C-alpha cells in the first residue's frame, strides 16, 4: 500500500499548493529546503572535483614519464600540481573548485523543484502533478478524514475533499487554506496549531502563474 507513513500507518495527505492561502504557500515554498537544487549543486561539485582529479593525474603521468622517482616526491608533486592550476588561472585545487562552482552554479535552473520542510509540526514536501505544485503532509499533529486521491496519487488522502466518512490521513492547519473553503469538516487536532507566519509578497508572483480553475491536466483534475 503506497503513500502512507510506515511508522504510524496513517496515509499521507495531499492538496494543491494553489488551494492554500497565498502567504502560507509562499512561506512553505521559501522556508523549505530546495532538494532538487541541492542535489544539482552536489552533482556539479562532484563533476568539478573529478575534473580537478584529472588535472592532477595528468601531472603525475607527465612527471612519471619524465622522471619516475620525482613522482614519489610529495613536496615536488605539490609544487607541480599547484603550477598546473596556476597555468589555468587558479591558485590551487580549492580555488579551482570554488571558482568554477560559484560561476557554474548560477546556471542551475530547476523548472519543477522538490521542496521539503517542516512548519507548525507538519512535515511536508512540495512536488508537481500535471504542472501544478502539490503539497504532501508526511506527518502532522492534525489528522483529517478525506476521500482517497485518484490513481495519480494512489491511497493518499485528498485534503481538497474532506469527508467525515472518509479515510484518516495527515492534515494541515485550517488557516493554511484559502478563506473560500470550509476546512473544518472532517478534521480533528491532535496537537498545537496556530497561524503560519506571513511573508510579504504573494507566492504566485514568485513562482509564476498557477493553472486557472484548479490543478492538474486541463485545470480540473483531482490528485
N, C-alpha and C. Protein backbone atom coordinates (compact mmCIF):
# COMPACT_ATOMS: atom_id res chain seq x y z
N UNK A 1 0.86 -1.20 0.00
CA UNK A 1 0.00 0.00 0.00
C UNK A 1 0.89 1.24 0.00
N UNK A 2 0.85 2.05 -1.06
CA UNK A 2 1.73 3.21 -1.15
C UNK A 2 1.17 4.43 -0.43
N UNK A 3 2.01 5.43 -0.27
CA UNK A 3 1.61 6.75 0.21
C UNK A 3 1.01 6.75 1.61
N UNK A 4 1.71 6.07 2.51
CA UNK A 4 1.34 6.15 3.92
C UNK A 4 2.61 6.16 4.75
N UNK A 5 2.51 6.64 5.99
CA UNK A 5 3.65 6.69 6.88
C UNK A 5 3.89 5.28 7.43
N UNK A 6 5.03 4.66 7.12
CA UNK A 6 5.25 3.27 7.52
C UNK A 6 5.35 3.09 9.03
N UNK A 7 5.67 4.16 9.75
CA UNK A 7 5.79 4.06 11.21
C UNK A 7 4.44 4.14 11.91
N UNK A 8 3.53 4.93 11.36
CA UNK A 8 2.24 5.13 12.01
C UNK A 8 1.09 4.44 11.29
N UNK A 9 1.28 4.11 10.02
CA UNK A 9 0.22 3.51 9.24
C UNK A 9 -0.81 4.51 8.74
N UNK A 10 -0.59 5.80 9.01
CA UNK A 10 -1.53 6.84 8.59
C UNK A 10 -1.18 7.31 7.17
N UNK A 11 -2.19 7.51 6.37
CA UNK A 11 -1.98 7.95 4.99
C UNK A 11 -1.42 9.37 4.94
N UNK A 12 -0.65 9.63 3.89
CA UNK A 12 -0.23 10.99 3.63
C UNK A 12 -1.43 11.80 3.14
N UNK A 13 -1.42 13.09 3.44
CA UNK A 13 -2.44 13.98 2.90
C UNK A 13 -1.85 14.82 1.79
N UNK A 14 -2.65 15.12 0.77
CA UNK A 14 -2.17 15.94 -0.34
C UNK A 14 -3.18 17.03 -0.66
N UNK A 15 -2.66 18.17 -1.10
CA UNK A 15 -3.51 19.28 -1.53
C UNK A 15 -2.69 20.16 -2.46
N UNK A 16 -3.31 20.68 -3.48
CA UNK A 16 -2.58 21.55 -4.40
C UNK A 16 -2.21 22.86 -3.70
N UNK A 17 -1.00 23.31 -3.96
CA UNK A 17 -0.49 24.49 -3.27
C UNK A 17 -1.30 25.74 -3.59
N UNK A 18 -1.87 25.79 -4.79
CA UNK A 18 -2.65 26.98 -5.15
C UNK A 18 -4.05 26.96 -4.54
N UNK A 19 -4.32 25.95 -3.69
CA UNK A 19 -5.56 25.95 -2.92
C UNK A 19 -5.32 26.45 -1.50
N UNK A 20 -4.09 26.84 -1.20
CA UNK A 20 -3.75 27.37 0.12
C UNK A 20 -3.75 28.89 0.08
N UNK A 21 -3.82 29.49 1.26
CA UNK A 21 -3.63 30.93 1.38
C UNK A 21 -2.29 31.29 0.73
N UNK A 22 -2.25 32.33 -0.06
CA UNK A 22 -1.05 32.64 -0.85
C UNK A 22 0.15 32.95 0.03
N UNK A 23 -0.06 33.61 1.19
CA UNK A 23 1.06 33.90 2.08
C UNK A 23 1.61 32.62 2.70
N UNK A 24 0.72 31.72 3.08
CA UNK A 24 1.16 30.44 3.64
C UNK A 24 1.92 29.64 2.59
N UNK A 25 1.38 29.58 1.38
CA UNK A 25 2.05 28.86 0.30
C UNK A 25 3.44 29.43 0.04
N UNK A 26 3.54 30.75 0.08
CA UNK A 26 4.83 31.40 -0.12
C UNK A 26 5.81 31.02 0.98
N UNK A 27 5.33 30.99 2.24
CA UNK A 27 6.19 30.62 3.36
C UNK A 27 6.68 29.18 3.22
N UNK A 28 5.78 28.28 2.89
CA UNK A 28 6.17 26.88 2.74
C UNK A 28 7.21 26.72 1.65
N UNK A 29 7.05 27.47 0.58
CA UNK A 29 7.99 27.40 -0.55
C UNK A 29 9.34 28.01 -0.18
N UNK A 30 9.32 29.22 0.36
CA UNK A 30 10.56 29.95 0.60
C UNK A 30 11.35 29.41 1.80
N UNK A 31 10.66 28.87 2.81
CA UNK A 31 11.33 28.40 4.02
C UNK A 31 11.70 26.93 3.97
N UNK A 32 11.28 26.24 2.93
CA UNK A 32 11.63 24.84 2.79
C UNK A 32 13.01 24.67 2.16
N UNK A 33 13.49 23.45 2.14
CA UNK A 33 14.77 23.12 1.53
C UNK A 33 14.53 22.69 0.09
N UNK A 34 15.23 23.35 -0.83
CA UNK A 34 15.10 23.01 -2.24
C UNK A 34 15.98 21.79 -2.53
N UNK A 35 15.38 20.61 -2.41
CA UNK A 35 16.13 19.37 -2.56
C UNK A 35 16.70 19.22 -3.97
N UNK A 36 15.93 19.59 -4.97
CA UNK A 36 16.38 19.46 -6.35
C UNK A 36 17.61 20.33 -6.61
N UNK A 37 17.58 21.56 -6.09
CA UNK A 37 18.70 22.47 -6.29
C UNK A 37 19.93 21.97 -5.54
N UNK A 38 19.74 21.48 -4.32
CA UNK A 38 20.87 20.96 -3.55
C UNK A 38 21.49 19.75 -4.24
N UNK A 39 20.67 18.88 -4.78
CA UNK A 39 21.19 17.71 -5.48
C UNK A 39 21.95 18.11 -6.74
N UNK A 40 21.42 19.09 -7.48
CA UNK A 40 22.09 19.57 -8.69
C UNK A 40 23.42 20.22 -8.33
N UNK A 41 23.45 20.97 -7.22
CA UNK A 41 24.68 21.62 -6.77
C UNK A 41 25.73 20.57 -6.39
N UNK A 42 25.29 19.54 -5.66
CA UNK A 42 26.22 18.48 -5.25
C UNK A 42 26.76 17.73 -6.46
N UNK A 43 25.90 17.49 -7.44
CA UNK A 43 26.33 16.80 -8.66
C UNK A 43 27.35 17.64 -9.43
N UNK A 44 27.10 18.95 -9.51
CA UNK A 44 28.04 19.85 -10.18
C UNK A 44 29.38 19.86 -9.46
N UNK A 45 29.35 19.92 -8.13
CA UNK A 45 30.60 19.92 -7.36
C UNK A 45 31.39 18.65 -7.60
N UNK A 46 30.70 17.51 -7.62
CA UNK A 46 31.38 16.23 -7.87
C UNK A 46 32.01 16.21 -9.26
N UNK A 47 31.32 16.78 -10.24
CA UNK A 47 31.85 16.83 -11.60
C UNK A 47 33.12 17.68 -11.65
N UNK A 48 33.10 18.83 -10.97
CA UNK A 48 34.27 19.71 -10.95
C UNK A 48 35.43 19.04 -10.21
N UNK A 49 35.13 18.33 -9.13
CA UNK A 49 36.17 17.63 -8.39
C UNK A 49 36.80 16.54 -9.24
N UNK A 50 35.99 15.88 -10.06
CA UNK A 50 36.55 14.87 -10.97
C UNK A 50 37.46 15.52 -12.00
N UNK A 51 37.09 16.71 -12.46
CA UNK A 51 37.95 17.45 -13.39
C UNK A 51 39.28 17.80 -12.72
N UNK A 52 39.22 18.19 -11.44
CA UNK A 52 40.45 18.51 -10.70
C UNK A 52 41.31 17.26 -10.55
N UNK A 53 40.68 16.12 -10.28
CA UNK A 53 41.43 14.87 -10.18
C UNK A 53 42.13 14.55 -11.49
N UNK A 54 41.44 14.83 -12.61
CA UNK A 54 42.03 14.55 -13.93
C UNK A 54 43.24 15.45 -14.18
N UNK A 55 43.15 16.71 -13.76
CA UNK A 55 44.29 17.64 -13.92
C UNK A 55 45.49 17.11 -13.16
N UNK A 56 45.27 16.68 -11.93
CA UNK A 56 46.37 16.21 -11.09
C UNK A 56 46.92 14.88 -11.60
N UNK A 57 46.06 14.05 -12.14
CA UNK A 57 46.51 12.78 -12.70
C UNK A 57 47.41 13.02 -13.91
N UNK A 58 47.05 14.00 -14.72
CA UNK A 58 47.90 14.34 -15.87
C UNK A 58 49.28 14.79 -15.42
N UNK A 59 49.34 15.55 -14.34
CA UNK A 59 50.63 15.99 -13.81
C UNK A 59 51.45 14.78 -13.36
N UNK A 60 50.81 13.86 -12.64
CA UNK A 60 51.51 12.65 -12.18
C UNK A 60 52.04 11.85 -13.36
N UNK A 61 51.23 11.70 -14.39
CA UNK A 61 51.67 10.94 -15.56
C UNK A 61 52.84 11.61 -16.25
N UNK A 62 52.75 12.93 -16.39
CA UNK A 62 53.83 13.66 -17.06
C UNK A 62 55.14 13.54 -16.29
N UNK A 63 55.07 13.65 -14.97
CA UNK A 63 56.28 13.56 -14.15
C UNK A 63 56.84 12.14 -14.17
N UNK A 64 55.96 11.15 -14.08
CA UNK A 64 56.43 9.76 -14.06
C UNK A 64 57.10 9.38 -15.38
N UNK A 65 56.60 9.91 -16.49
CA UNK A 65 57.21 9.63 -17.79
C UNK A 65 58.55 10.34 -17.93
N UNK A 66 58.66 11.50 -17.27
CA UNK A 66 59.89 12.28 -17.38
C UNK A 66 60.94 11.83 -16.38
N UNK A 67 60.53 11.59 -15.15
CA UNK A 67 61.47 11.23 -14.09
C UNK A 67 60.69 10.49 -13.01
N UNK A 68 60.66 9.17 -13.09
CA UNK A 68 59.82 8.37 -12.20
C UNK A 68 60.04 8.65 -10.72
N UNK A 69 61.29 8.74 -10.22
CA UNK A 69 61.47 8.96 -8.78
C UNK A 69 60.77 10.22 -8.26
N UNK A 70 60.71 11.27 -9.08
CA UNK A 70 60.10 12.51 -8.61
C UNK A 70 58.60 12.35 -8.41
N UNK A 71 58.02 11.34 -9.06
CA UNK A 71 56.59 11.10 -8.90
C UNK A 71 56.25 10.70 -7.46
N UNK A 72 57.24 10.27 -6.72
CA UNK A 72 57.04 9.86 -5.32
C UNK A 72 57.53 10.92 -4.35
N UNK A 73 57.98 12.04 -4.86
CA UNK A 73 58.41 13.17 -4.01
C UNK A 73 57.18 14.05 -3.76
N UNK A 74 56.59 13.93 -2.58
CA UNK A 74 55.33 14.61 -2.29
C UNK A 74 55.44 16.12 -2.40
N UNK A 75 56.50 16.68 -1.85
CA UNK A 75 56.67 18.14 -1.89
C UNK A 75 56.81 18.63 -3.33
N UNK A 76 57.58 17.90 -4.13
CA UNK A 76 57.78 18.28 -5.52
C UNK A 76 56.46 18.19 -6.28
N UNK A 77 55.69 17.12 -6.05
CA UNK A 77 54.43 16.95 -6.75
C UNK A 77 53.43 18.05 -6.39
N UNK A 78 53.42 18.46 -5.13
CA UNK A 78 52.52 19.55 -4.73
C UNK A 78 52.83 20.83 -5.49
N UNK A 79 54.13 21.10 -5.67
CA UNK A 79 54.52 22.30 -6.42
C UNK A 79 54.12 22.19 -7.88
N UNK A 80 54.29 21.02 -8.46
CA UNK A 80 53.94 20.82 -9.87
C UNK A 80 52.43 20.92 -10.09
N UNK A 81 51.68 20.36 -9.16
CA UNK A 81 50.21 20.43 -9.27
C UNK A 81 49.73 21.87 -9.11
N UNK A 82 50.32 22.58 -8.16
CA UNK A 82 49.95 23.99 -7.98
C UNK A 82 50.29 24.79 -9.22
N UNK A 83 51.43 24.49 -9.84
CA UNK A 83 51.83 25.18 -11.07
C UNK A 83 50.83 24.90 -12.19
N UNK A 84 50.31 23.68 -12.24
CA UNK A 84 49.32 23.33 -13.26
C UNK A 84 48.05 24.16 -13.08
N UNK A 85 47.62 24.32 -11.84
CA UNK A 85 46.45 25.16 -11.58
C UNK A 85 46.74 26.63 -11.90
N UNK A 86 47.96 27.06 -11.59
CA UNK A 86 48.34 28.45 -11.89
C UNK A 86 48.27 28.72 -13.38
N UNK A 87 48.68 27.76 -14.19
CA UNK A 87 48.64 27.94 -15.64
C UNK A 87 47.21 28.06 -16.15
N UNK A 88 46.28 27.52 -15.39
CA UNK A 88 44.86 27.62 -15.76
C UNK A 88 44.20 28.86 -15.18
N UNK A 89 44.98 29.62 -14.38
CA UNK A 89 44.44 30.85 -13.82
C UNK A 89 43.91 30.72 -12.41
N UNK A 90 44.26 29.63 -11.71
CA UNK A 90 43.77 29.41 -10.35
C UNK A 90 44.95 29.29 -9.39
N UNK A 91 44.70 29.56 -8.11
CA UNK A 91 45.76 29.49 -7.11
C UNK A 91 46.12 28.05 -6.78
N UNK A 92 45.10 27.22 -6.61
CA UNK A 92 45.32 25.82 -6.24
C UNK A 92 44.03 25.04 -6.49
N UNK A 93 43.99 23.81 -6.00
CA UNK A 93 42.82 22.95 -6.22
C UNK A 93 41.55 23.57 -5.64
N UNK A 94 41.64 24.05 -4.39
CA UNK A 94 40.46 24.63 -3.75
C UNK A 94 39.94 25.83 -4.53
N UNK A 95 40.85 26.67 -5.01
CA UNK A 95 40.44 27.85 -5.77
C UNK A 95 39.78 27.44 -7.08
N UNK A 96 40.33 26.39 -7.70
CA UNK A 96 39.77 25.88 -8.95
C UNK A 96 38.33 25.41 -8.74
N UNK A 97 38.13 24.61 -7.69
CA UNK A 97 36.80 24.06 -7.42
C UNK A 97 35.83 25.16 -7.01
N UNK A 98 36.24 26.01 -6.07
CA UNK A 98 35.34 27.05 -5.56
C UNK A 98 34.95 28.05 -6.64
N UNK A 99 35.92 28.45 -7.47
CA UNK A 99 35.64 29.45 -8.50
C UNK A 99 34.69 28.89 -9.55
N UNK A 100 34.98 27.69 -10.03
CA UNK A 100 34.10 27.08 -11.02
C UNK A 100 32.70 26.84 -10.46
N UNK A 101 32.65 26.40 -9.21
CA UNK A 101 31.36 26.10 -8.59
C UNK A 101 30.52 27.36 -8.45
N UNK A 102 31.16 28.44 -8.06
CA UNK A 102 30.43 29.70 -7.90
C UNK A 102 29.87 30.19 -9.24
N UNK A 103 30.68 30.09 -10.28
CA UNK A 103 30.25 30.57 -11.60
C UNK A 103 29.21 29.65 -12.24
N UNK A 104 29.47 28.36 -12.22
CA UNK A 104 28.61 27.42 -12.95
C UNK A 104 27.31 27.12 -12.21
N UNK A 105 27.31 27.28 -10.89
CA UNK A 105 26.07 27.03 -10.14
C UNK A 105 25.00 28.07 -10.46
N UNK A 106 25.42 29.21 -11.00
CA UNK A 106 24.44 30.23 -11.39
C UNK A 106 23.56 29.75 -12.55
N UNK A 107 24.04 28.73 -13.27
CA UNK A 107 23.28 28.22 -14.41
C UNK A 107 22.30 27.12 -14.02
N UNK A 108 22.29 26.74 -12.74
CA UNK A 108 21.36 25.71 -12.30
C UNK A 108 19.94 26.25 -12.33
N UNK A 109 19.09 25.64 -13.09
CA UNK A 109 17.69 26.04 -13.18
C UNK A 109 16.81 24.80 -13.11
N UNK A 110 15.96 24.75 -12.11
CA UNK A 110 15.05 23.62 -11.93
C UNK A 110 13.63 24.14 -12.14
N UNK A 111 12.98 23.68 -13.20
CA UNK A 111 11.64 24.18 -13.51
C UNK A 111 10.60 23.72 -12.50
N UNK A 112 10.72 22.48 -12.04
CA UNK A 112 9.76 21.94 -11.08
C UNK A 112 10.51 21.32 -9.91
N UNK A 113 11.04 22.15 -9.02
CA UNK A 113 11.87 21.65 -7.92
C UNK A 113 11.05 20.94 -6.84
N UNK A 114 11.71 20.04 -6.15
CA UNK A 114 11.13 19.38 -4.98
C UNK A 114 11.55 20.17 -3.74
N UNK A 115 10.57 20.56 -2.93
CA UNK A 115 10.82 21.33 -1.72
C UNK A 115 10.42 20.49 -0.51
N UNK A 116 11.24 20.48 0.54
CA UNK A 116 10.92 19.77 1.76
C UNK A 116 11.07 20.69 2.95
N UNK A 117 10.26 20.49 3.98
CA UNK A 117 10.37 21.33 5.16
C UNK A 117 9.42 20.88 6.26
N UNK A 118 9.45 21.64 7.36
CA UNK A 118 8.54 21.42 8.48
C UNK A 118 7.99 22.77 8.91
N UNK A 119 6.69 22.85 9.11
CA UNK A 119 6.04 24.09 9.54
C UNK A 119 4.87 23.73 10.45
N UNK A 120 4.85 24.32 11.64
CA UNK A 120 3.78 24.07 12.61
C UNK A 120 3.58 22.59 12.87
N UNK A 121 4.67 21.86 12.91
CA UNK A 121 4.61 20.43 13.18
C UNK A 121 4.29 19.57 11.98
N UNK A 122 4.02 20.19 10.84
CA UNK A 122 3.71 19.45 9.62
C UNK A 122 4.99 19.22 8.82
N UNK A 123 5.36 17.97 8.66
CA UNK A 123 6.48 17.62 7.80
C UNK A 123 5.94 17.48 6.38
N UNK A 124 6.44 18.31 5.48
CA UNK A 124 5.81 18.39 4.16
C UNK A 124 6.82 18.28 3.03
N UNK A 125 6.29 18.02 1.86
CA UNK A 125 7.06 18.07 0.62
C UNK A 125 6.18 18.71 -0.44
N UNK A 126 6.79 19.48 -1.31
CA UNK A 126 6.10 20.03 -2.47
C UNK A 126 6.67 19.35 -3.71
N UNK A 127 5.82 18.63 -4.42
CA UNK A 127 6.21 18.02 -5.68
C UNK A 127 5.32 18.60 -6.77
N UNK A 128 5.25 17.95 -7.91
CA UNK A 128 4.49 18.51 -9.04
C UNK A 128 3.61 17.43 -9.66
N UNK A 129 2.42 17.83 -10.03
CA UNK A 129 1.48 16.92 -10.69
C UNK A 129 0.72 17.69 -11.75
N UNK A 130 0.87 17.27 -13.00
CA UNK A 130 0.21 17.97 -14.09
C UNK A 130 0.65 19.41 -14.23
N UNK A 131 1.90 19.71 -13.86
CA UNK A 131 2.42 21.07 -13.96
C UNK A 131 2.06 21.97 -12.81
N UNK A 132 1.36 21.46 -11.79
CA UNK A 132 0.97 22.27 -10.63
C UNK A 132 1.66 21.74 -9.38
N UNK A 133 2.06 22.64 -8.47
CA UNK A 133 2.73 22.21 -7.24
C UNK A 133 1.74 21.54 -6.28
N UNK A 134 2.14 20.38 -5.77
CA UNK A 134 1.29 19.57 -4.90
C UNK A 134 1.95 19.45 -3.53
N UNK A 135 1.22 19.80 -2.47
CA UNK A 135 1.73 19.71 -1.10
C UNK A 135 1.39 18.34 -0.52
N UNK A 136 2.42 17.70 0.05
CA UNK A 136 2.24 16.44 0.76
C UNK A 136 2.43 16.68 2.25
N UNK A 137 1.54 16.14 3.07
CA UNK A 137 1.72 16.14 4.52
C UNK A 137 2.17 14.74 4.91
N UNK A 138 3.47 14.59 5.23
CA UNK A 138 4.02 13.28 5.58
C UNK A 138 3.81 12.95 7.06
N UNK A 139 3.73 14.00 7.87
CA UNK A 139 3.50 13.84 9.30
C UNK A 139 2.90 15.13 9.80
N UNK A 140 1.99 15.04 10.77
CA UNK A 140 1.28 16.25 11.20
C UNK A 140 0.62 16.01 12.55
N UNK A 141 0.48 17.08 13.35
CA UNK A 141 -0.29 16.97 14.59
C UNK A 141 -1.79 16.94 14.33
N UNK A 142 -2.18 17.06 13.07
CA UNK A 142 -3.60 17.08 12.69
C UNK A 142 -3.92 15.84 11.86
N UNK A 143 -4.97 15.16 12.25
CA UNK A 143 -5.47 14.02 11.49
C UNK A 143 -6.79 14.43 10.85
N UNK A 144 -6.87 14.29 9.54
CA UNK A 144 -8.10 14.61 8.81
C UNK A 144 -8.73 13.34 8.28
N UNK A 145 -10.01 13.44 7.94
CA UNK A 145 -10.68 12.37 7.22
C UNK A 145 -11.03 12.90 5.84
N UNK A 146 -10.63 12.16 4.84
CA UNK A 146 -10.81 12.65 3.47
C UNK A 146 -11.04 11.48 2.52
N UNK A 147 -11.53 11.82 1.35
CA UNK A 147 -11.64 10.82 0.30
C UNK A 147 -10.25 10.50 -0.23
N UNK A 148 -10.12 9.34 -0.82
CA UNK A 148 -8.83 8.95 -1.38
C UNK A 148 -8.60 9.66 -2.70
N UNK A 149 -7.33 9.88 -3.01
CA UNK A 149 -6.97 10.53 -4.27
C UNK A 149 -7.20 9.58 -5.44
N UNK A 150 -7.15 10.16 -6.62
CA UNK A 150 -7.28 9.38 -7.85
C UNK A 150 -6.03 8.53 -8.04
N UNK A 151 -5.98 7.70 -9.07
CA UNK A 151 -4.79 6.86 -9.31
C UNK A 151 -3.49 7.64 -9.46
N UNK A 152 -3.57 8.94 -9.70
CA UNK A 152 -2.34 9.73 -9.83
C UNK A 152 -1.54 9.74 -8.53
N UNK A 153 -2.24 9.71 -7.39
CA UNK A 153 -1.60 9.67 -6.08
C UNK A 153 -2.30 8.57 -5.27
N UNK A 154 -2.10 7.31 -5.62
CA UNK A 154 -2.89 6.23 -5.04
C UNK A 154 -2.78 6.12 -3.52
N UNK A 155 -3.91 5.96 -2.87
CA UNK A 155 -4.05 5.70 -1.45
C UNK A 155 -3.85 6.91 -0.55
N UNK A 156 -3.38 8.04 -1.08
CA UNK A 156 -3.21 9.24 -0.26
C UNK A 156 -4.56 9.89 -0.02
N UNK A 157 -4.66 10.66 1.06
CA UNK A 157 -5.89 11.38 1.35
C UNK A 157 -5.94 12.70 0.60
N UNK A 158 -7.08 12.99 -0.01
CA UNK A 158 -7.26 14.23 -0.77
C UNK A 158 -7.78 15.31 0.17
N UNK A 159 -6.91 16.20 0.60
CA UNK A 159 -7.29 17.25 1.55
C UNK A 159 -8.17 18.31 0.91
N UNK A 160 -8.40 18.22 -0.39
CA UNK A 160 -9.40 19.06 -1.05
C UNK A 160 -10.80 18.45 -0.93
N UNK A 161 -10.87 17.20 -0.47
CA UNK A 161 -12.16 16.51 -0.39
C UNK A 161 -12.32 15.90 1.00
N UNK A 162 -12.42 16.76 2.02
CA UNK A 162 -12.61 16.28 3.38
C UNK A 162 -13.99 15.63 3.51
N UNK A 163 -14.04 14.56 4.30
CA UNK A 163 -15.28 13.80 4.41
C UNK A 163 -15.28 13.08 5.75
N UNK A 164 -16.32 13.33 6.57
CA UNK A 164 -16.41 12.68 7.88
C UNK A 164 -16.42 11.16 7.77
N UNK A 165 -16.85 10.65 6.64
CA UNK A 165 -16.91 9.21 6.43
C UNK A 165 -15.71 8.71 5.62
N UNK A 166 -14.71 9.59 5.45
CA UNK A 166 -13.56 9.24 4.64
C UNK A 166 -12.49 8.49 5.41
N UNK A 167 -11.28 8.52 4.88
CA UNK A 167 -10.15 7.79 5.43
C UNK A 167 -9.24 8.75 6.21
N UNK A 168 -8.66 8.26 7.29
CA UNK A 168 -7.75 9.09 8.08
C UNK A 168 -6.46 9.35 7.30
N UNK A 169 -6.02 10.58 7.34
CA UNK A 169 -4.75 10.96 6.71
C UNK A 169 -4.19 12.16 7.46
N UNK A 170 -2.93 12.45 7.24
CA UNK A 170 -2.34 13.63 7.86
C UNK A 170 -2.93 14.88 7.23
N UNK A 171 -3.26 15.86 8.08
CA UNK A 171 -3.88 17.08 7.60
C UNK A 171 -3.02 18.32 7.80
N UNK A 172 -3.61 19.46 7.55
CA UNK A 172 -2.93 20.75 7.67
C UNK A 172 -3.79 21.68 8.52
N UNK A 173 -3.19 22.71 9.13
CA UNK A 173 -3.97 23.67 9.91
C UNK A 173 -5.06 24.32 9.06
N UNK A 174 -6.20 24.61 9.69
CA UNK A 174 -7.32 25.21 8.97
C UNK A 174 -6.93 26.52 8.29
N UNK A 175 -6.12 27.34 8.98
CA UNK A 175 -5.83 28.66 8.43
C UNK A 175 -4.77 28.64 7.33
N UNK A 176 -4.31 27.45 6.95
CA UNK A 176 -3.45 27.37 5.77
C UNK A 176 -4.27 27.46 4.49
N UNK A 177 -5.55 27.15 4.59
CA UNK A 177 -6.38 27.09 3.40
C UNK A 177 -6.88 28.47 2.99
N UNK A 178 -7.30 28.55 1.75
CA UNK A 178 -7.94 29.77 1.29
C UNK A 178 -9.25 29.97 2.03
N UNK A 179 -9.62 31.23 2.26
CA UNK A 179 -10.82 31.55 3.03
C UNK A 179 -12.09 31.05 2.36
N UNK A 180 -12.03 30.82 1.04
CA UNK A 180 -13.25 30.43 0.32
C UNK A 180 -13.70 29.02 0.66
N UNK A 181 -12.83 28.22 1.31
CA UNK A 181 -13.20 26.85 1.63
C UNK A 181 -13.60 26.72 3.09
N UNK A 182 -14.34 25.68 3.42
CA UNK A 182 -14.68 25.36 4.81
C UNK A 182 -13.93 24.09 5.19
N UNK A 183 -12.73 24.24 5.79
CA UNK A 183 -11.87 23.08 6.01
C UNK A 183 -12.18 22.30 7.28
N UNK A 184 -13.13 22.76 8.10
CA UNK A 184 -13.27 22.17 9.42
C UNK A 184 -13.95 20.80 9.40
N UNK A 185 -14.77 20.57 8.43
CA UNK A 185 -15.46 19.29 8.37
C UNK A 185 -14.45 18.18 8.11
N UNK A 186 -14.46 17.17 8.97
CA UNK A 186 -13.61 16.00 8.75
C UNK A 186 -12.23 16.09 9.33
N UNK A 187 -11.93 17.10 10.18
CA UNK A 187 -10.60 17.23 10.75
C UNK A 187 -10.68 17.25 12.26
N UNK A 188 -9.64 16.72 12.89
CA UNK A 188 -9.54 16.86 14.33
C UNK A 188 -8.09 17.13 14.67
N UNK A 189 -7.85 18.05 15.61
CA UNK A 189 -6.50 18.37 16.00
C UNK A 189 -5.99 17.41 17.06
N UNK A 190 -4.73 17.01 16.96
CA UNK A 190 -4.12 16.17 17.97
C UNK A 190 -2.87 16.83 18.52
N UNK A 191 -2.77 18.12 18.35
CA UNK A 191 -1.61 18.83 18.84
C UNK A 191 -1.81 20.30 18.65
N UNK A 192 -0.79 21.10 18.99
CA UNK A 192 -0.93 22.55 18.87
C UNK A 192 -1.05 22.99 17.44
N UNK A 193 -1.83 24.04 17.21
CA UNK A 193 -1.97 24.59 15.86
C UNK A 193 -1.33 25.94 15.81
N UNK A 194 -2.11 26.96 15.40
CA UNK A 194 -1.56 28.31 15.32
C UNK A 194 -1.48 28.77 13.90
N UNK A 195 -1.22 30.05 13.73
CA UNK A 195 -1.17 30.64 12.40
C UNK A 195 0.23 30.53 11.83
N UNK A 196 0.30 30.25 10.56
CA UNK A 196 1.60 30.25 9.89
C UNK A 196 2.10 31.67 9.77
N UNK A 197 3.41 31.82 9.82
CA UNK A 197 3.99 33.16 9.69
C UNK A 197 3.69 33.70 8.31
N UNK A 198 3.40 34.97 8.24
CA UNK A 198 3.05 35.59 6.96
C UNK A 198 4.27 36.32 6.39
N UNK A 199 4.51 36.11 5.13
CA UNK A 199 5.61 36.79 4.46
C UNK A 199 5.06 37.81 3.49
N UNK A 200 5.82 38.85 3.28
CA UNK A 200 5.41 39.86 2.30
C UNK A 200 5.52 39.28 0.91
N UNK A 201 4.60 39.68 0.04
CA UNK A 201 4.65 39.21 -1.34
C UNK A 201 3.84 37.94 -1.51
N UNK A 202 3.32 37.73 -2.68
CA UNK A 202 2.48 36.58 -2.92
C UNK A 202 3.28 35.42 -3.48
N UNK A 203 2.89 34.20 -3.11
CA UNK A 203 3.55 33.01 -3.62
C UNK A 203 3.43 32.92 -5.14
N UNK A 204 2.25 33.21 -5.66
CA UNK A 204 2.05 33.06 -7.09
C UNK A 204 2.92 34.03 -7.88
N UNK A 205 3.16 35.20 -7.32
CA UNK A 205 4.00 36.17 -8.03
C UNK A 205 5.44 35.68 -8.10
N UNK A 206 5.89 34.98 -7.04
CA UNK A 206 7.27 34.49 -7.03
C UNK A 206 7.43 33.27 -7.93
N UNK A 207 6.44 32.36 -7.87
CA UNK A 207 6.55 31.13 -8.61
C UNK A 207 6.13 31.26 -10.06
N UNK A 208 5.25 32.20 -10.33
CA UNK A 208 4.70 32.32 -11.66
C UNK A 208 3.24 31.93 -11.61
N UNK A 209 2.48 32.18 -12.66
CA UNK A 209 1.05 31.90 -12.64
C UNK A 209 0.78 30.41 -12.49
N UNK A 210 -0.19 30.07 -11.64
CA UNK A 210 -0.60 28.70 -11.45
C UNK A 210 -1.82 28.44 -12.33
N UNK A 211 -2.11 27.18 -12.62
CA UNK A 211 -3.22 26.86 -13.51
C UNK A 211 -4.53 27.42 -13.01
N UNK A 212 -5.31 28.02 -13.91
CA UNK A 212 -6.59 28.60 -13.54
C UNK A 212 -7.65 27.52 -13.44
N UNK A 213 -8.61 27.74 -12.56
CA UNK A 213 -9.75 26.84 -12.47
C UNK A 213 -9.46 25.53 -11.78
N UNK A 214 -8.29 25.38 -11.17
CA UNK A 214 -7.99 24.13 -10.48
C UNK A 214 -6.73 23.50 -11.01
N UNK A 215 -6.19 22.52 -10.30
CA UNK A 215 -4.91 21.93 -10.65
C UNK A 215 -5.05 20.79 -11.64
N UNK A 216 -3.89 20.29 -12.05
CA UNK A 216 -3.86 19.08 -12.86
C UNK A 216 -4.08 19.35 -14.33
N UNK A 217 -4.15 18.28 -15.08
CA UNK A 217 -4.31 18.40 -16.53
C UNK A 217 -5.66 19.02 -16.86
N UNK A 218 -5.65 20.04 -17.68
CA UNK A 218 -6.87 20.70 -18.09
C UNK A 218 -7.45 21.60 -17.03
N UNK A 219 -6.73 21.78 -15.89
CA UNK A 219 -7.17 22.68 -14.85
C UNK A 219 -8.25 22.13 -13.96
N UNK A 220 -8.64 20.84 -14.13
CA UNK A 220 -9.73 20.36 -13.31
C UNK A 220 -9.49 19.00 -12.67
N UNK A 221 -8.31 18.41 -12.86
CA UNK A 221 -8.06 17.08 -12.33
C UNK A 221 -7.84 17.13 -10.83
N UNK A 222 -8.26 16.08 -10.16
CA UNK A 222 -8.02 15.95 -8.73
C UNK A 222 -6.80 15.07 -8.54
N UNK A 223 -6.07 15.25 -7.41
CA UNK A 223 -4.90 14.40 -7.19
C UNK A 223 -5.30 12.95 -6.96
